[in-house]
Protein backbone atom coordinates (compact mmCIF):
# COMPACT_ATOMS: atom_id res chain seq x y z
CA MET A 1 -0.42 0.27 0.04
CA GLU A 2 1.20 3.00 -0.76
CA SER A 3 0.21 6.36 1.66
CA SER A 4 1.18 9.55 1.89
CA ILE A 5 2.35 11.65 5.26
CA ILE A 6 3.66 14.28 5.37
CA THR A 7 5.85 15.72 7.85
CA GLN A 8 7.64 18.08 10.09
CA VAL A 9 10.64 18.04 12.08
CA GLN A 10 11.19 21.29 13.38
CA LYS A 11 9.60 23.75 15.41
CA GLU A 12 7.46 26.01 13.20
CA ASP A 13 6.61 29.95 13.96
CA SER A 14 5.64 32.56 11.27
CA GLN A 15 8.32 33.48 9.89
CA LEU A 16 11.97 32.11 11.77
CA PRO A 17 12.56 30.15 14.72
CA SER A 18 14.19 31.54 17.65
CA LYS A 19 16.43 29.66 19.07
CA THR A 20 18.73 29.84 22.64
CA GLY A 21 22.19 28.37 23.39
CA GLN A 22 21.28 26.87 26.61
CA VAL A 23 20.64 22.88 26.64
CA ASN A 24 17.79 21.34 28.98
CA LYS A 25 20.26 19.20 31.36
CA SER A 26 16.43 16.86 32.11
CA SER A 27 17.28 13.47 32.86
CA PRO A 28 16.52 10.77 29.85
CA LYS A 29 13.60 10.27 29.05
CA LYS A 30 11.61 6.56 28.59
CA PRO A 31 9.91 5.98 24.93
CA ARG A 32 6.50 7.08 25.11
CA SER A 33 4.08 4.12 24.51
CA ARG A 34 0.78 4.49 22.06
CA ASN A 35 -0.87 5.85 25.03
CA ILE A 36 0.72 9.13 23.38
CA PHE A 37 -2.56 9.66 20.94
CA LYS A 38 -4.97 9.79 24.69
CA ALA A 39 -2.84 12.36 25.62
CA LEU A 40 -2.02 14.34 23.28
CA PHE A 41 -3.94 14.06 20.43
CA CYS A 42 -6.03 16.99 19.32
CA CYS A 43 -9.81 17.11 20.79
CA LEU A 44 -11.40 18.06 18.14
CA ARG A 45 -13.84 15.91 16.48
CA ALA A 46 -14.61 16.34 12.35
CA GLN A 47 -17.77 17.74 12.28
CA ASP A 48 -16.71 20.20 15.32
CA ALA A 49 -14.10 21.65 12.47
CA PRO A 50 -14.37 24.02 10.03
CA GLN A 51 -14.92 23.10 6.99
CA PRO A 52 -11.76 23.44 4.32
CA PRO A 53 -12.17 25.96 1.13
CA PRO A 54 -13.36 24.24 -1.93
CA PRO A 55 -9.58 23.13 -3.18
CA ALA A 56 -8.36 24.02 -6.62
CA GLN A 57 -8.43 22.70 -9.69
CA ASP A 58 -4.67 21.63 -9.95
CA THR A 59 -3.45 20.09 -7.08
CA LEU A 60 -0.53 20.73 -5.02
CA LEU A 61 1.14 17.29 -5.73
CA PRO A 62 1.72 15.54 -9.06
CA PRO A 63 -0.92 12.65 -10.13
CA GLU A 64 0.51 9.48 -8.23
CA ASP A 65 2.50 6.65 -10.53
CA ASN A 66 3.36 31.49 12.42
CA GLY A 67 9.05 34.93 14.08
CA THR A 68 12.85 36.06 15.08
CA ILE A 69 16.49 35.72 14.22
CA ALA A 70 17.87 33.13 15.98
CA LYS A 71 20.85 34.03 18.19
CA PRO A 72 24.03 32.23 17.81
CA ILE A 73 24.42 28.84 19.77
CA SER A 74 27.32 26.89 20.12
CA ASN A 75 26.17 23.60 19.09
CA ALA A 76 24.19 24.11 15.61
CA ASP A 77 24.22 21.49 13.47
CA PHE A 78 23.29 23.42 10.44
CA ILE A 79 23.89 27.50 9.88
CA VAL A 80 21.88 28.63 7.08
CA PRO A 81 22.14 32.34 6.21
CA VAL A 82 19.33 34.48 4.68
CA GLU A 83 18.33 36.87 3.47
CA ILE A 84 15.77 39.85 5.45
CA GLU A 85 15.07 43.22 4.28
CA GLY A 86 18.15 42.96 2.46
CA THR A 87 20.26 41.80 4.96
CA THR A 88 21.68 38.29 5.70
CA HIS A 89 21.54 37.05 8.62
CA GLN A 90 22.67 33.63 10.08
CA VAL A 91 20.60 31.22 11.37
CA TYR A 92 21.58 28.88 14.04
CA VAL A 93 19.48 25.35 13.36
CA LEU A 94 19.73 22.31 15.87
CA LYS A 95 18.06 18.99 14.67
CA ARG A 96 16.02 17.03 17.45
CA PRO A 97 17.72 13.57 18.21
CA HIS A 98 17.12 10.98 16.47
CA VAL A 99 15.77 12.66 13.42
CA ASP A 100 18.09 10.99 11.03
CA GLN A 101 16.97 7.60 12.15
CA PHE A 102 13.52 8.81 11.44
CA LEU A 103 13.27 10.12 8.69
CA GLN A 104 14.97 7.51 6.99
CA ARG A 105 12.36 4.95 8.25
CA MET A 106 9.63 7.52 6.91
CA GLY A 107 11.24 7.23 4.17
CA GLU A 108 11.12 3.30 3.88
CA LEU A 109 7.25 3.11 4.62
CA PHE A 110 5.65 5.98 2.78
CA GLU A 111 5.77 8.99 0.74
CA CYS A 112 6.76 11.54 2.40
CA VAL A 113 6.30 15.62 2.02
CA LEU A 114 7.63 18.43 3.85
CA PHE A 115 4.80 21.00 4.27
CA THR A 116 5.80 23.89 6.22
CA ALA A 117 3.96 27.41 7.40
CA SER A 118 7.48 28.60 7.51
CA LEU A 119 8.83 30.50 4.22
CA ALA A 120 10.96 29.19 1.65
CA LYS A 121 13.73 31.63 1.53
CA TYR A 122 14.40 29.47 5.18
CA ALA A 123 13.31 26.45 5.23
CA ASP A 124 14.66 25.37 1.71
CA PRO A 125 17.77 25.55 2.61
CA VAL A 126 17.50 24.11 5.88
CA THR A 127 15.71 21.03 4.58
CA ASP A 128 18.77 20.45 1.81
CA LEU A 129 21.03 20.57 4.85
CA LEU A 130 18.72 18.11 6.83
CA ASP A 131 17.08 15.83 4.42
CA GLN A 132 20.30 14.85 2.54
CA CYS A 133 18.87 11.37 1.52
CA GLY A 134 15.96 12.85 -0.22
CA VAL A 135 13.55 11.10 1.64
CA PHE A 136 11.00 14.28 0.66
CA ARG A 137 9.52 13.48 -2.60
CA THR A 138 8.19 17.63 -2.21
CA ARG A 139 8.32 20.65 -0.63
CA LEU A 140 5.39 22.91 0.47
CA PHE A 141 5.80 26.14 1.84
CA ARG A 142 4.10 29.32 3.78
CA GLU A 143 2.82 29.78 -0.04
CA SER A 144 0.93 26.49 -0.08
CA CYS A 145 -0.85 26.30 3.12
CA VAL A 146 -4.97 28.26 3.66
CA PHE A 147 -4.50 31.82 5.92
CA HIS A 148 -7.67 30.77 7.91
CA GLN A 149 -8.72 32.70 10.56
CA GLY A 150 -5.20 34.27 12.01
CA CYS A 151 -3.55 30.53 10.94
CA TYR A 152 -1.73 29.07 8.40
CA VAL A 153 -3.53 25.83 7.80
CA LYS A 154 -2.26 22.82 5.64
CA ASP A 155 -4.62 21.76 3.55
CA LEU A 156 -4.67 17.79 2.76
CA SER A 157 -7.26 18.38 0.53
CA ARG A 158 -5.37 19.53 -2.44
CA LEU A 159 -2.99 17.21 -2.00
CA GLY A 160 -4.15 15.22 -4.80
CA ARG A 161 -3.84 11.98 -2.64
CA GLN A 162 -6.70 9.86 -0.62
CA LEU A 163 -7.06 11.09 2.27
CA ASN A 164 -8.09 8.13 4.17
CA LYS A 165 -3.78 7.12 2.99
CA THR A 166 -2.68 10.05 4.51
CA LEU A 167 -1.17 11.45 7.65
CA ILE A 168 0.08 14.53 8.80
CA LEU A 169 2.94 14.70 11.54
CA ASP A 170 2.22 18.17 12.99
CA ASN A 171 3.12 19.81 16.86
CA SER A 172 0.45 22.52 16.68
CA PRO A 173 -3.29 21.22 16.53
CA ALA A 174 -3.99 24.81 14.68
CA SER A 175 -1.78 23.25 11.60
CA TYR A 176 -4.71 20.69 10.62
CA ILE A 177 -7.54 21.94 11.77
CA PHE A 178 -9.86 21.27 8.49
CA HIS A 179 -8.27 17.65 8.58
CA PRO A 180 -7.80 16.70 12.29
CA GLU A 181 -8.71 13.57 12.10
CA ASN A 182 -5.77 12.45 9.93
CA ALA A 183 -3.10 13.96 12.49
CA VAL A 184 -0.71 12.13 14.68
CA PRO A 185 0.43 15.22 17.54
CA VAL A 186 3.90 15.64 17.86
CA VAL A 187 5.04 18.09 21.11
CA SER A 188 7.27 20.55 20.27
CA TRP A 189 10.69 19.93 20.98
CA PHE A 190 13.85 23.12 22.01
CA ASP A 191 17.29 21.69 22.91
CA ASP A 192 16.61 18.74 25.32
CA LEU A 193 19.10 16.87 23.69
CA GLU A 194 17.41 13.55 25.58
CA ASP A 195 14.37 13.83 24.52
CA THR A 196 13.19 10.42 22.37
CA GLU A 197 10.00 11.53 20.96
CA LEU A 198 11.27 10.78 17.57
CA LEU A 199 12.38 7.08 18.42
CA SER A 200 8.06 6.72 19.85
CA LEU A 201 6.51 7.60 17.12
CA LEU A 202 8.57 4.88 14.82
CA PRO A 203 6.54 2.03 16.14
CA VAL A 204 2.92 3.74 15.62
CA PHE A 205 3.68 4.73 12.15
CA GLU A 206 4.87 0.96 11.56
CA GLU A 207 1.49 -0.22 12.42
CA LEU A 208 0.11 3.16 10.56
CA SER A 209 1.81 1.93 6.98
CA GLU A 210 0.08 -1.41 6.64
CA ALA A 211 -3.55 0.28 7.56
CA ASP A 212 -5.33 -0.32 4.34
CA ASP A 213 -7.36 3.10 6.08
CA VAL A 214 -5.88 5.18 9.04
CA TYR A 215 -8.88 6.76 10.59
CA ALA A 216 -10.14 3.49 11.47
CA LYS A 217 -6.54 2.64 12.14
CA LEU A 218 -5.98 6.38 14.14
CA GLN A 219 -8.87 6.21 16.04
CA GLN A 220 -8.37 1.97 17.29
CA LEU A 221 -5.42 3.60 18.62
CA ARG A 222 -7.05 6.23 20.73
CA ALA A 223 -9.53 4.14 22.23
CA PRO A 224 -9.07 4.06 25.73
């Protein structure tokens, strides 16, 4: 079965991510179980969600065959020059722990698309550095989002894929307010080097990848 997964791997904001050099020294965390859905899933029900606008005639994908300038930090994985209003700024980027392993596995299981409300001038070069194995088959940026009630919403109906085979992984419920039943929530990450969130999600996505209908499988995973 070929499914689509729309993934994000970094904290998202309106323009550029804000970052400090402080490192969280908290103790190691144990990977969470599938109860992630009971603890995190957005309480919106499908019937409560606002209706998305009609999809455009042209879908965002080919046919199937919400910031500040980052401060310098000493342990940045990437330093990306970004030009804003004629001035080039150095943006310091930290990778979430285990993101490389997570991306590699997602690429083996799904058709992966980056769908972000960040500006392409920032997100595109960061993705070049992050996704050197080419896991993301397509990249969609702010201009592909729908501006709705002050938020940039990712309208999955415009992707040209079956919605019952489409998932969105996101840390912001506002980003998937049109399709909450397609969402796998992920907690935001800043600088905790002991974070294991992505490792905890691997068995969840492995199970979802075998589902003929992701709605049924997600309901099953969220059940008490």
